[in-house]
């Protein structure tokens, strides 16, 4: 059954521009590649039709992105986590994490 399906899904031969039949794998691959490249076309010098500098505004003060997370930020995120969601990669859901943090911090959560 697999052999019949395999035979049905193959290209046994291709005809090139000179009406020659190509039957070897490498020759068929070259013909298909050339046909693909000819259909796609080539753009040697693309034209920019808009002013990229006016569209992208430079950002300043990006130092805050490399600062470590504060304990308050982490606590806030943990408080906002839904408690009934599926467990994470370690198998613990957010309810477990909230309980553990509450015990470690004396019930601050």
N, C-alpha and C. Protein backbone atom coordinates (compact mmCIF):
# COMPACT_ATOMS: atom_id res chain seq x y z
N UNK A 1 0.81 -1.19 0.00
CA UNK A 1 0.00 0.00 0.00
C UNK A 1 0.86 1.26 0.00
N UNK A 2 1.91 1.27 0.83
CA UNK A 2 2.78 2.44 0.86
C UNK A 2 3.52 2.61 -0.45
N UNK A 3 3.85 1.51 -1.11
CA UNK A 3 4.56 1.58 -2.38
C UNK A 3 3.68 2.20 -3.47
N UNK A 4 2.41 1.84 -3.48
CA UNK A 4 1.49 2.41 -4.47
C UNK A 4 1.34 3.90 -4.24
N UNK A 5 1.19 4.30 -2.99
CA UNK A 5 1.07 5.72 -2.67
C UNK A 5 2.35 6.46 -3.02
N UNK A 6 3.48 5.83 -2.76
CA UNK A 6 4.76 6.46 -3.07
C UNK A 6 4.89 6.68 -4.57
N UNK A 7 4.50 5.71 -5.36
CA UNK A 7 4.61 5.82 -6.81
C UNK A 7 3.67 6.89 -7.34
N UNK A 8 2.54 7.05 -6.72
CA UNK A 8 1.58 8.05 -7.17
C UNK A 8 2.05 9.47 -6.87
N UNK A 9 2.87 9.66 -5.86
CA UNK A 9 3.28 10.98 -5.44
C UNK A 9 4.67 11.37 -5.92
N UNK A 10 5.13 10.78 -6.98
CA UNK A 10 6.45 11.12 -7.51
C UNK A 10 6.31 11.72 -8.90
N UNK A 11 7.33 12.45 -9.29
CA UNK A 11 7.41 12.99 -10.64
C UNK A 11 8.46 12.17 -11.36
N UNK A 12 8.04 11.37 -12.30
CA UNK A 12 8.98 10.45 -12.94
C UNK A 12 9.88 11.15 -13.95
N UNK A 13 9.36 12.18 -14.62
CA UNK A 13 10.17 12.89 -15.60
C UNK A 13 9.64 14.29 -15.81
N UNK A 14 10.53 15.18 -16.23
CA UNK A 14 10.17 16.56 -16.54
C UNK A 14 10.76 16.91 -17.90
N UNK A 15 10.11 17.82 -18.58
CA UNK A 15 10.61 18.27 -19.87
C UNK A 15 11.22 19.65 -19.71
N UNK A 16 12.44 19.82 -20.20
CA UNK A 16 13.11 21.12 -20.09
C UNK A 16 12.70 22.02 -21.25
N UNK A 17 13.31 23.19 -21.37
CA UNK A 17 12.96 24.17 -22.40
C UNK A 17 13.29 23.69 -23.81
N UNK A 18 14.20 22.76 -23.94
CA UNK A 18 14.59 22.24 -25.26
C UNK A 18 13.86 20.95 -25.61
N UNK A 19 12.77 20.66 -24.94
CA UNK A 19 11.96 19.45 -25.15
C UNK A 19 12.71 18.16 -24.87
N UNK A 20 13.70 18.22 -23.99
CA UNK A 20 14.41 17.02 -23.55
C UNK A 20 13.79 16.53 -22.25
N UNK A 21 13.63 15.23 -22.12
CA UNK A 21 13.09 14.66 -20.90
C UNK A 21 14.20 14.47 -19.89
N UNK A 22 13.97 14.89 -18.68
CA UNK A 22 14.93 14.74 -17.58
C UNK A 22 14.33 13.73 -16.61
N UNK A 23 15.09 12.66 -16.33
CA UNK A 23 14.55 11.61 -15.47
C UNK A 23 15.37 11.42 -14.19
N UNK A 24 16.61 11.93 -14.13
CA UNK A 24 17.41 11.74 -12.92
C UNK A 24 17.03 12.78 -11.86
N UNK A 25 17.24 12.43 -10.62
CA UNK A 25 16.82 13.28 -9.50
C UNK A 25 17.50 14.65 -9.53
N UNK A 26 18.79 14.67 -9.73
CA UNK A 26 19.53 15.94 -9.73
C UNK A 26 19.05 16.85 -10.85
N UNK A 27 18.83 16.29 -12.04
CA UNK A 27 18.35 17.09 -13.17
C UNK A 27 16.97 17.68 -12.91
N UNK A 28 16.08 16.88 -12.30
CA UNK A 28 14.75 17.39 -11.98
C UNK A 28 14.83 18.48 -10.92
N UNK A 29 15.71 18.29 -9.95
CA UNK A 29 15.87 19.30 -8.90
C UNK A 29 16.36 20.61 -9.50
N UNK A 30 17.30 20.55 -10.42
CA UNK A 30 17.81 21.77 -11.06
C UNK A 30 16.71 22.45 -11.86
N UNK A 31 15.94 21.68 -12.62
CA UNK A 31 14.84 22.26 -13.40
C UNK A 31 13.81 22.96 -12.51
N UNK A 32 13.44 22.32 -11.43
CA UNK A 32 12.46 22.92 -10.52
C UNK A 32 13.02 24.17 -9.85
N UNK A 33 14.29 24.14 -9.48
CA UNK A 33 14.91 25.30 -8.85
C UNK A 33 14.96 26.47 -9.82
N UNK A 34 15.36 26.23 -11.06
CA UNK A 34 15.44 27.30 -12.06
C UNK A 34 14.05 27.87 -12.34
N UNK A 35 13.04 27.00 -12.44
CA UNK A 35 11.67 27.48 -12.67
C UNK A 35 11.20 28.34 -11.50
N UNK A 36 11.51 27.92 -10.29
CA UNK A 36 11.13 28.69 -9.10
C UNK A 36 11.81 30.06 -9.11
N UNK A 37 13.11 30.08 -9.37
CA UNK A 37 13.84 31.35 -9.37
C UNK A 37 13.33 32.28 -10.46
N UNK A 38 12.99 31.75 -11.63
CA UNK A 38 12.47 32.59 -12.71
C UNK A 38 11.11 33.16 -12.38
N UNK A 39 10.28 32.40 -11.68
CA UNK A 39 8.96 32.91 -11.32
C UNK A 39 9.01 33.94 -10.21
N UNK A 40 9.93 33.76 -9.29
CA UNK A 40 10.03 34.70 -8.17
C UNK A 40 10.63 36.02 -8.61
N UNK A 41 11.52 36.01 -9.56
CA UNK A 41 12.15 37.24 -10.00
C UNK A 41 13.26 37.66 -9.05
N UNK A 42 14.00 38.65 -9.47
CA UNK A 42 15.13 39.14 -8.70
C UNK A 42 15.04 40.64 -8.61
N UNK A 43 15.19 41.18 -7.44
CA UNK A 43 15.20 42.63 -7.22
C UNK A 43 16.58 43.02 -6.74
N UNK A 44 17.31 43.71 -7.58
CA UNK A 44 18.68 44.07 -7.24
C UNK A 44 18.75 45.33 -6.37
N UNK A 45 17.89 46.30 -6.63
CA UNK A 45 17.92 47.54 -5.86
C UNK A 45 16.49 47.89 -5.43
N UNK A 46 16.09 47.46 -4.24
CA UNK A 46 14.73 47.76 -3.80
C UNK A 46 14.55 49.26 -3.56
N UNK A 47 13.37 49.75 -3.85
CA UNK A 47 13.03 51.16 -3.66
C UNK A 47 12.32 51.34 -2.32
N UNK A 48 12.75 52.30 -1.53
CA UNK A 48 12.09 52.62 -0.26
C UNK A 48 11.06 53.71 -0.54
N UNK A 49 9.79 53.39 -0.37
CA UNK A 49 8.72 54.33 -0.71
C UNK A 49 8.21 55.11 0.49
N UNK A 50 8.90 55.05 1.61
CA UNK A 50 8.49 55.80 2.79
C UNK A 50 9.73 56.15 3.59
N UNK A 51 9.58 57.13 4.46
CA UNK A 51 10.69 57.61 5.27
C UNK A 51 10.70 56.81 6.58
N UNK A 52 11.60 55.88 6.67
CA UNK A 52 11.66 54.99 7.83
C UNK A 52 12.00 55.74 9.11
N UNK A 53 12.84 56.78 9.02
CA UNK A 53 13.21 57.54 10.21
C UNK A 53 12.02 58.28 10.82
N UNK A 54 11.07 58.69 10.00
CA UNK A 54 9.90 59.38 10.55
C UNK A 54 8.90 58.40 11.17
N UNK A 55 8.94 57.13 10.75
CA UNK A 55 8.00 56.14 11.28
C UNK A 55 8.48 55.52 12.58
N UNK A 56 9.78 55.38 12.75
CA UNK A 56 10.33 54.75 13.95
C UNK A 56 10.89 55.84 14.85
N UNK A 57 10.27 56.00 15.99
CA UNK A 57 10.70 57.01 16.94
C UNK A 57 11.78 56.42 17.85
N UNK A 58 12.88 57.12 18.03
CA UNK A 58 13.92 56.60 18.93
C UNK A 58 13.43 56.60 20.38
N UNK A 59 13.76 55.57 21.10
CA UNK A 59 13.38 55.46 22.50
C UNK A 59 14.57 55.83 23.38
N UNK A 60 14.27 56.58 24.40
CA UNK A 60 15.31 56.97 25.34
C UNK A 60 15.02 56.33 26.68
N UNK A 61 16.00 56.32 27.55
CA UNK A 61 15.86 55.79 28.90
C UNK A 61 15.42 54.32 28.89
N UNK A 62 16.22 53.50 28.24
CA UNK A 62 15.95 52.06 28.21
C UNK A 62 16.68 51.32 29.31
N UNK A 63 17.31 52.03 30.20
CA UNK A 63 18.06 51.40 31.29
C UNK A 63 17.15 50.60 32.22
N UNK A 64 15.89 50.98 32.31
CA UNK A 64 14.98 50.27 33.22
C UNK A 64 14.71 48.85 32.73
N UNK A 65 14.99 48.57 31.46
CA UNK A 65 14.75 47.23 30.94
C UNK A 65 15.78 46.22 31.40
N UNK A 66 16.94 46.68 31.84
CA UNK A 66 18.00 45.76 32.25
C UNK A 66 18.11 45.66 33.77
N UNK A 67 17.28 46.40 34.49
CA UNK A 67 17.31 46.33 35.95
C UNK A 67 16.70 45.02 36.41
N UNK A 68 17.19 44.44 37.50
CA UNK A 68 16.58 43.21 38.01
C UNK A 68 15.18 43.48 38.56
N UNK A 69 14.35 42.44 38.57
CA UNK A 69 12.99 42.57 39.10
C UNK A 69 13.06 42.80 40.61
N UNK A 70 12.17 43.64 41.09
CA UNK A 70 12.09 43.87 42.53
C UNK A 70 11.16 42.83 43.16
N UNK A 71 11.30 42.67 44.46
CA UNK A 71 10.44 41.73 45.19
C UNK A 71 8.99 42.16 45.10
N UNK A 72 8.73 43.46 45.12
CA UNK A 72 7.37 43.97 45.03
C UNK A 72 6.74 43.63 43.68
N UNK A 73 7.51 43.74 42.60
CA UNK A 73 6.99 43.41 41.28
C UNK A 73 6.63 41.93 41.18
N UNK A 74 7.48 41.08 41.73
CA UNK A 74 7.22 39.64 41.70
C UNK A 74 6.00 39.30 42.54
N UNK A 75 5.89 39.91 43.73
CA UNK A 75 4.73 39.66 44.59
C UNK A 75 3.44 40.10 43.90
N UNK A 76 3.49 41.22 43.21
CA UNK A 76 2.29 41.71 42.52
C UNK A 76 1.86 40.74 41.42
N UNK A 77 2.81 40.24 40.65
CA UNK A 77 2.50 39.29 39.58
C UNK A 77 1.92 38.00 40.16
N UNK A 78 2.51 37.50 41.24
CA UNK A 78 2.02 36.27 41.85
C UNK A 78 0.61 36.47 42.38
N UNK A 79 0.31 37.62 42.95
CA UNK A 79 -1.04 37.90 43.45
C UNK A 79 -2.06 37.91 42.32
N UNK A 80 -1.66 38.36 41.14
CA UNK A 80 -2.58 38.47 40.01
C UNK A 80 -2.77 37.15 39.25
N UNK A 81 -1.98 36.13 39.57
CA UNK A 81 -2.11 34.85 38.87
C UNK A 81 -3.43 34.18 39.23
N UNK A 82 -4.13 33.61 38.26
CA UNK A 82 -5.35 32.86 38.58
C UNK A 82 -4.97 31.55 39.28
N UNK A 83 -5.75 31.18 40.27
CA UNK A 83 -5.39 30.01 41.09
C UNK A 83 -5.88 28.70 40.50
N UNK A 84 -6.75 28.73 39.52
CA UNK A 84 -7.34 27.50 39.02
C UNK A 84 -6.81 27.08 37.65
N UNK A 85 -5.66 27.57 37.28
CA UNK A 85 -5.10 27.23 35.97
C UNK A 85 -4.26 25.97 36.06
N UNK A 86 -3.93 25.44 34.89
CA UNK A 86 -3.16 24.20 34.81
C UNK A 86 -1.77 24.40 35.40
N UNK A 87 -1.18 23.33 35.87
CA UNK A 87 0.15 23.44 36.47
C UNK A 87 1.22 23.82 35.46
N UNK A 88 2.30 24.38 35.96
CA UNK A 88 3.41 24.75 35.12
C UNK A 88 4.29 23.56 34.82
N UNK A 89 5.47 23.83 34.30
CA UNK A 89 6.38 22.76 33.92
C UNK A 89 6.81 21.90 35.10
N UNK A 90 6.86 22.51 36.28
CA UNK A 90 7.27 21.75 37.46
C UNK A 90 6.11 20.99 38.10
N UNK A 91 4.89 21.16 37.58
CA UNK A 91 3.74 20.43 38.11
C UNK A 91 2.97 21.19 39.18
N UNK A 92 3.43 22.36 39.60
CA UNK A 92 2.76 23.13 40.63
C UNK A 92 1.92 24.23 39.99
N UNK A 93 0.67 24.37 40.45
CA UNK A 93 -0.15 25.46 39.94
C UNK A 93 0.09 26.71 40.77
N UNK A 94 -0.56 27.81 40.38
CA UNK A 94 -0.29 29.09 41.04
C UNK A 94 -0.82 29.12 42.48
N UNK A 95 -1.82 28.32 42.82
CA UNK A 95 -2.30 28.26 44.21
C UNK A 95 -1.19 27.76 45.13
N UNK A 96 -0.45 26.74 44.69
CA UNK A 96 0.66 26.22 45.47
C UNK A 96 1.72 27.31 45.68
N UNK A 97 2.05 28.02 44.60
CA UNK A 97 3.06 29.08 44.70
C UNK A 97 2.61 30.17 45.66
N UNK A 98 1.34 30.55 45.57
CA UNK A 98 0.83 31.59 46.48
C UNK A 98 0.90 31.12 47.94
N UNK A 99 0.54 29.88 48.19
CA UNK A 99 0.58 29.36 49.56
C UNK A 99 2.01 29.32 50.09
N UNK A 100 2.94 28.88 49.24
CA UNK A 100 4.35 28.81 49.65
C UNK A 100 4.90 30.20 49.96
N UNK A 101 4.58 31.17 49.11
CA UNK A 101 5.07 32.53 49.35
C UNK A 101 4.43 33.12 50.59
N UNK A 102 3.17 32.81 50.82
CA UNK A 102 2.49 33.31 52.01
C UNK A 102 3.13 32.75 53.29
N UNK A 103 3.52 31.47 53.26
CA UNK A 103 4.17 30.85 54.41
C UNK A 103 5.58 31.42 54.62
N UNK A 104 6.30 31.66 53.51
CA UNK A 104 7.66 32.19 53.63
C UNK A 104 7.69 33.62 54.13
N UNK A 105 6.64 34.40 53.78
CA UNK A 105 6.63 35.81 54.13
C UNK A 105 5.74 36.10 55.34
N UNK A 106 5.31 35.10 56.00
CA UNK A 106 4.47 35.30 57.18
C UNK A 106 3.06 35.71 56.83
N UNK A 107 2.55 35.25 55.70
CA UNK A 107 1.17 35.54 55.35
C UNK A 107 0.97 36.90 54.73
N UNK A 108 1.98 37.47 54.07
CA UNK A 108 1.83 38.79 53.47
C UNK A 108 0.99 38.77 52.19
N UNK A 109 0.91 37.62 51.54
CA UNK A 109 0.10 37.57 50.31
C UNK A 109 -1.32 37.51 50.70
